[in-house]
């Protein structure tokens, strides 16, 4: 997914249009969600999530 900042920025060096990036499917026009951040490490970051939360024991006190 592309952030609004990326889609509306000055530079666009991707092989597809900005419109296709913003609205990859017809239903997206009516239900668009703009992510606030881009992917980290592409799909690898999606499959290998890292939690930065404190240990569960920290919440019990």
C-alpha atoms as a PDB file:
ATOM      1  CA  UNK A   1       0.000   0.000   0.000  1.00  0.00           C
ATOM      2  CA  UNK A   2       1.109   3.533  -0.735  1.00  0.00           C
ATOM      3  CA  UNK A   3       0.728   6.409   1.683  1.00  0.00           C
ATOM      4  CA  UNK A   4      -1.008   9.609   0.588  1.00  0.00           C
ATOM      5  CA  UNK A   5       2.344  11.381   0.866  1.00  0.00           C
ATOM      6  CA  UNK A   6       3.939   8.996  -1.638  1.00  0.00           C
ATOM      7  CA  UNK A   7       1.039   9.122  -4.112  1.00  0.00           C
ATOM      8  CA  UNK A   8       0.865  12.931  -4.054  1.00  0.00           C
ATOM      9  CA  UNK A   9       4.617  13.560  -3.934  1.00  0.00           C
ATOM     10  CA  UNK A  10       6.623  15.158  -6.737  1.00  0.00           C
ATOM     11  CA  UNK A  11       8.606  12.059  -7.723  1.00  0.00           C
ATOM     12  CA  UNK A  12       7.063   8.875  -9.093  1.00  0.00           C
ATOM     13  CA  UNK A  13       9.497   6.228 -10.375  1.00  0.00           C
ATOM     14  CA  UNK A  14       7.236   3.187 -10.437  1.00  0.00           C
ATOM     15  CA  UNK A  15       6.178   1.190 -13.509  1.00  0.00           C
ATOM     16  CA  UNK A  16       2.466   1.833 -12.825  1.00  0.00           C
ATOM     17  CA  UNK A  17       0.404   5.002 -12.580  1.00  0.00           C
ATOM     18  CA  UNK A  18      -0.313   6.945  -9.404  1.00  0.00           C
ATOM     19  CA  UNK A  19      -4.009   6.278  -9.951  1.00  0.00           C
ATOM     20  CA  UNK A  20      -3.398   2.525 -10.043  1.00  0.00           C
ATOM     21  CA  UNK A  21      -1.298   2.812  -6.878  1.00  0.00           C
ATOM     22  CA  UNK A  22      -3.978   4.765  -5.026  1.00  0.00           C
ATOM     23  CA  UNK A  23      -6.939   2.744  -6.291  1.00  0.00           C
ATOM     24  CA  UNK A  24      -5.761  -0.773  -7.251  1.00  0.00           C
ATOM     25  CA  UNK A  25      -9.314  -2.170  -7.408  1.00  0.00           C
ATOM     26  CA  UNK A  26     -12.640  -0.527  -8.365  1.00  0.00           C
ATOM     27  CA  UNK A  27     -14.194  -0.858  -4.881  1.00  0.00           C
ATOM     28  CA  UNK A  28     -11.239   0.990  -3.301  1.00  0.00           C
ATOM     29  CA  UNK A  29     -12.511   4.361  -4.566  1.00  0.00           C
ATOM     30  CA  UNK A  30     -15.473   4.198  -2.181  1.00  0.00           C
ATOM     31  CA  UNK A  31     -13.647   2.563   0.737  1.00  0.00           C
ATOM     32  CA  UNK A  32     -10.107   3.965   0.563  1.00  0.00           C
ATOM     33  CA  UNK A  33      -7.905   3.655   3.628  1.00  0.00           C
ATOM     34  CA  UNK A  34      -4.694   5.661   3.536  1.00  0.00           C
ATOM     35  CA  UNK A  35      -1.955   3.962   5.570  1.00  0.00           C
ATOM     36  CA  UNK A  36       0.185   6.337   7.596  1.00  0.00           C
ATOM     37  CA  UNK A  37       3.383   4.390   6.909  1.00  0.00           C
ATOM     38  CA  UNK A  38       4.733   2.291   4.057  1.00  0.00           C
ATOM     39  CA  UNK A  39       5.862  -1.307   4.239  1.00  0.00           C
ATOM     40  CA  UNK A  40       9.110  -2.163   5.957  1.00  0.00           C
ATOM     41  CA  UNK A  41      11.275  -4.624   4.001  1.00  0.00           C
ATOM     42  CA  UNK A  42       8.420  -5.313   1.577  1.00  0.00           C
ATOM     43  CA  UNK A  43       6.632  -8.624   2.210  1.00  0.00           C
ATOM     44  CA  UNK A  44       9.388  -9.842   4.558  1.00  0.00           C
ATOM     45  CA  UNK A  45       8.328  -7.221   7.100  1.00  0.00           C
ATOM     46  CA  UNK A  46       4.708  -8.354   6.795  1.00  0.00           C
ATOM     47  CA  UNK A  47       5.626 -11.979   7.516  1.00  0.00           C
ATOM     48  CA  UNK A  48       8.176 -11.323  10.285  1.00  0.00           C
ATOM     49  CA  UNK A  49       6.540  -8.951  12.731  1.00  0.00           C
ATOM     50  CA  UNK A  50       8.577  -7.662  15.654  1.00  0.00           C
ATOM     51  CA  UNK A  51       6.803  -6.557  18.794  1.00  0.00           C
ATOM     52  CA  UNK A  52       8.328  -3.601  20.615  1.00  0.00           C
ATOM     53  CA  UNK A  53       5.902  -3.801  23.517  1.00  0.00           C
ATOM     54  CA  UNK A  54       7.064  -4.385  27.087  1.00  0.00           C
ATOM     55  CA  UNK A  55       6.862  -7.975  28.356  1.00  0.00           C
ATOM     56  CA  UNK A  56       3.392  -9.065  29.500  1.00  0.00           C
ATOM     57  CA  UNK A  57       4.637  -9.130  33.101  1.00  0.00           C
ATOM     58  CA  UNK A  58       5.040  -5.344  32.972  1.00  0.00           C
ATOM     59  CA  UNK A  59       1.261  -4.950  32.630  1.00  0.00           C
ATOM     60  CA  UNK A  60       0.402  -7.067  35.684  1.00  0.00           C
ATOM     61  CA  UNK A  61       1.679  -4.590  38.270  1.00  0.00           C
END
